[in-house]
C-alpha cells in the first residue's frame, strides 16, 4: 500500500507515530480496515466489557457532509474553548473552519468512529485504548492517522446517529481519520515526563 516499512517494532511505532493532517484521497482497502479494527478490539478493556462498536465511513459525499456539520458545530462551540483558538495552539484552525473547502477530516479517505455501547465509569478509557491500538497499527503499516475530537458533537446529534446507524444509547467517542499521508507529518517536540513521585 505504501513504500514505508511494514515491520516496525512496538517502540518504533510509538516513537514515529504522528498526527497527520494532509492525506492522499485514496481509500484504504477493506482488509486493511478490518485489520485495524482487529487491532482495536485487542486493546485492554476494564472487566473484559469490550464496550466498543465502530462506524466506518469511506463515502466521499458523506465525509464532506459530516465535515461541514462538524465545522458548523465547532464554530458554535468555539466561545467555550477560546484558549484552543489562541495562537500558537490553534495553528490557524479557527480561520480554516471558515473556509468552505477545508475538510475537518483533512481529505482522508477513511473515517473510523469508535463508539461506546454504554456509558460506564471505564468505557471512555476503553475506547481511547482501542484508538491508540488503531493509530499504532496504522503507523506500522505506513498509514497516517489523526483523532478529530472537534467532530464529536456533530456525530452525536440525533440526525447523525440515525444516518450512521448509531443507536440512541450509543455514544460516538473517538473519530479517527486513516489514510495515505500526503507529505511528511510535522514532528512536535514533547516535554520530558513530569514525575511527581518515584519512591524506591
Protein backbone atom coordinates (compact mmCIF):
# COMPACT_ATOMS: atom_id res chain seq x y z
CA UNK A 1 0.00 0.00 0.00
CA UNK A 2 2.88 2.39 0.72
CA UNK A 3 6.63 2.43 0.34
CA UNK A 4 7.20 2.64 4.08
CA UNK A 5 8.39 -0.40 6.04
CA UNK A 6 5.71 -2.68 7.47
CA UNK A 7 7.75 -4.34 10.20
CA UNK A 8 8.05 -1.65 12.83
CA UNK A 9 8.57 -2.75 16.41
CA UNK A 10 6.10 -1.53 19.01
CA UNK A 11 8.58 1.09 20.22
CA UNK A 12 9.32 2.20 16.66
CA UNK A 13 5.61 2.73 16.06
CA UNK A 14 5.17 4.61 19.35
CA UNK A 15 8.04 6.98 18.68
CA UNK A 16 7.42 7.50 14.96
CA UNK A 17 3.63 7.95 15.06
CA UNK A 18 2.49 11.49 14.25
CA UNK A 19 -0.88 13.17 13.82
CA UNK A 20 -1.17 13.50 10.04
CA UNK A 21 -3.18 16.44 8.72
CA UNK A 22 -2.77 16.03 4.95
CA UNK A 23 -3.85 12.93 3.01
CA UNK A 24 -3.93 11.43 -0.42
CA UNK A 25 -7.65 10.97 -1.17
CA UNK A 26 -7.30 7.25 -1.92
CA UNK A 27 -9.29 4.91 0.33
CA UNK A 28 -7.60 2.14 2.23
CA UNK A 29 -8.79 -1.34 1.31
CA UNK A 30 -11.30 -3.41 3.25
CA UNK A 31 -8.72 -5.90 4.51
CA UNK A 32 -6.63 -3.09 6.00
CA UNK A 33 -9.66 -1.53 7.68
CA UNK A 34 -10.61 -4.89 9.17
CA UNK A 35 -7.03 -5.38 10.36
CA UNK A 36 -7.15 -2.02 12.14
CA UNK A 37 -10.45 -2.94 13.77
CA UNK A 38 -8.96 -6.26 14.88
CA UNK A 39 -6.11 -4.29 16.46
CA UNK A 40 -8.65 -2.03 18.17
CA UNK A 41 -10.51 -4.86 19.87
CA UNK A 42 -7.23 -6.36 21.12
CA UNK A 43 -6.89 -3.34 23.45
CA UNK A 44 -7.17 -3.70 27.22
CA UNK A 45 -10.74 -3.38 28.47
CA UNK A 46 -11.95 -2.96 32.05
CA UNK A 47 -13.63 -6.08 33.42
CA UNK A 48 -13.48 -7.51 29.89
CA UNK A 49 -16.56 -5.47 28.98
CA UNK A 50 -15.45 -4.71 25.40
CA UNK A 51 -17.87 -1.76 25.27
CA UNK A 52 -16.86 -0.51 21.83
CA UNK A 53 -18.60 -0.57 18.49
CA UNK A 54 -17.46 1.01 15.24
CA UNK A 55 -18.62 3.09 12.31
CA UNK A 56 -16.52 3.23 9.13
CA UNK A 57 -17.18 5.94 6.55
CA UNK A 58 -15.40 5.95 3.19
CA UNK A 59 -18.09 7.61 1.10
CA UNK A 60 -16.74 10.98 -0.10
CA UNK A 61 -20.12 12.73 -0.10
CA UNK A 62 -20.86 11.59 3.44
CA UNK A 63 -17.41 12.64 4.65
CA UNK A 64 -17.95 16.09 3.12
CA UNK A 65 -21.39 16.38 4.69
CA UNK A 66 -20.15 15.45 8.15
CA UNK A 67 -17.13 17.71 7.79
CA UNK A 68 -19.45 20.64 7.07
CA UNK A 69 -21.68 19.75 10.01
CA UNK A 70 -18.71 19.38 12.34
CA UNK A 71 -17.28 22.73 11.28
CA UNK A 72 -20.60 24.48 11.87
CA UNK A 73 -20.99 22.77 15.25
CA UNK A 74 -17.45 23.67 16.32
CA UNK A 75 -17.83 27.31 15.31
CA UNK A 76 -20.94 27.43 17.52
CA UNK A 77 -18.96 25.89 20.41
CA UNK A 78 -15.81 27.98 19.89
CA UNK A 79 -16.70 30.57 22.50
CA UNK A 80 -16.44 27.89 25.19
CA UNK A 81 -12.92 26.98 24.09
CA UNK A 82 -11.27 30.30 23.38
CA UNK A 83 -7.86 29.07 24.55
CA UNK A 84 -7.85 26.39 21.86
CA UNK A 85 -8.20 29.08 19.22
CA UNK A 86 -5.46 31.31 20.57
CA UNK A 87 -2.11 31.27 18.77
CA UNK A 88 0.05 29.28 18.69
CA UNK A 89 -2.15 26.37 19.84
CA UNK A 90 -4.77 26.79 17.15
CA UNK A 91 -2.39 26.92 14.21
CA UNK A 92 -5.00 28.87 12.26
CA UNK A 93 -7.70 26.29 12.99
CA UNK A 94 -10.43 28.88 13.55
CA UNK A 95 -9.68 30.51 10.21
CA UNK A 96 -9.72 27.16 8.43
CA UNK A 97 -13.14 26.34 9.86
CA UNK A 98 -14.50 29.32 7.95
CA UNK A 99 -13.02 28.05 4.67
CA UNK A 100 -15.69 26.11 2.71
CA UNK A 101 -13.01 23.98 1.03
CA UNK A 102 -11.37 22.90 4.30
CA UNK A 103 -12.15 19.33 5.38
CA UNK A 104 -12.13 18.75 9.11
CA UNK A 105 -11.07 15.22 8.15
CA UNK A 106 -8.05 16.55 6.20
CA UNK A 107 -9.23 14.85 2.99
CA UNK A 108 -8.53 11.37 4.38
CA UNK A 109 -10.41 8.62 2.58
CA UNK A 110 -11.45 6.73 5.72
CA UNK A 111 -13.07 7.77 8.98
CA UNK A 112 -13.33 5.25 11.82
CA UNK A 113 -15.57 6.27 14.70
CA UNK A 114 -15.14 4.35 17.94
CA UNK A 115 -18.41 4.36 19.84
CA UNK A 116 -19.27 3.32 23.39
CA UNK A 117 -22.17 0.91 23.80
CA UNK A 118 -22.93 2.08 27.34
CA UNK A 119 -21.54 4.92 29.39
CA UNK A 120 -19.95 3.34 32.45
CA UNK A 121 -17.01 4.50 34.57
CA UNK A 122 -14.33 2.95 32.32
CA UNK A 123 -15.98 2.92 28.89
CA UNK A 124 -14.40 6.11 27.54
CA UNK A 125 -10.94 4.93 28.65
CA UNK A 126 -11.53 1.61 26.90
CA UNK A 127 -12.45 3.40 23.66
CA UNK A 128 -9.31 5.53 23.82
CA UNK A 129 -7.18 2.43 24.38
CA UNK A 130 -8.76 0.94 21.25
CA UNK A 131 -7.99 4.19 19.43
CA UNK A 132 -4.31 4.02 20.36
CA UNK A 133 -4.15 0.47 19.01
CA UNK A 134 -5.61 1.67 15.69
CA UNK A 135 -3.13 4.52 15.48
CA UNK A 136 -0.09 2.38 16.26
CA UNK A 137 -1.18 -0.40 13.91
CA UNK A 138 -1.78 2.14 11.13
CA UNK A 139 1.65 3.66 11.74
CA UNK A 140 3.26 0.22 11.49
CA UNK A 141 1.53 -0.22 8.11
CA UNK A 142 2.85 3.10 6.83
CA UNK A 143 -0.52 4.86 7.16
CA UNK A 144 -1.33 8.16 8.81
CA UNK A 145 -3.99 8.85 11.43
CA UNK A 146 -5.40 11.79 13.31
CA UNK A 147 -8.03 11.98 16.06
CA UNK A 148 -10.71 14.51 15.15
CA UNK A 149 -12.14 15.47 18.54
CA UNK A 150 -13.90 18.50 17.11
CA UNK A 151 -16.21 16.16 15.15
CA UNK A 152 -17.63 14.50 18.28
CA UNK A 153 -20.56 16.91 18.90
CA UNK A 154 -21.72 16.69 15.29
CA UNK A 155 -21.50 12.89 15.30
CA UNK A 156 -23.66 12.63 18.42
CA UNK A 157 -26.67 14.58 17.16
CA UNK A 158 -29.84 12.51 16.71
CA UNK A 159 -29.72 13.16 12.95
CA UNK A 160 -26.13 12.00 12.63
CA UNK A 161 -26.74 8.91 14.74
CA UNK A 162 -29.68 7.95 12.54
CA UNK A 163 -27.62 8.37 9.37
CA UNK A 164 -24.67 6.45 10.80
CA UNK A 165 -26.84 3.69 12.31
CA UNK A 166 -25.65 4.56 15.83
CA UNK A 167 -28.34 3.60 18.36
CA UNK A 168 -29.57 6.37 20.65
CA UNK A 169 -27.95 4.77 23.70
CA UNK A 170 -24.55 4.53 21.98
CA UNK A 171 -22.11 7.46 22.05
CA UNK A 172 -19.51 8.41 19.45
CA UNK A 173 -16.30 8.83 21.46
CA UNK A 174 -13.25 8.81 19.16
CA UNK A 175 -13.35 9.77 15.47
CA UNK A 176 -10.06 8.85 13.75
CA UNK A 177 -9.16 9.50 10.14
CA UNK A 178 -6.88 6.98 8.47
CA UNK A 179 -5.19 7.24 5.13
CA UNK A 180 -2.12 7.58 2.99
CA UNK A 181 -0.15 10.65 4.09
CA UNK A 182 0.32 13.42 1.54
CA UNK A 183 3.78 14.60 2.55
CA UNK A 184 5.52 14.29 5.88
CA UNK A 185 3.89 14.97 9.24
CA UNK A 186 5.35 17.64 11.46
CA UNK A 187 7.33 16.37 14.41
CA UNK A 188 6.29 18.23 17.56
CA UNK A 189 8.72 18.24 20.49
CA UNK A 190 7.49 16.70 23.71
CA UNK A 191 8.35 17.63 27.26
CA UNK A 192 10.14 15.15 29.47
CA UNK A 193 7.86 13.18 31.81
CA UNK A 194 6.87 15.21 34.85
CA UNK A 195 7.33 12.81 37.75
CA UNK A 196 5.52 13.74 40.93
CA UNK A 197 6.86 10.82 42.95
CA UNK A 198 9.31 7.98 42.33
CA UNK A 199 9.60 6.23 45.68
CA UNK A 200 12.16 3.43 45.94
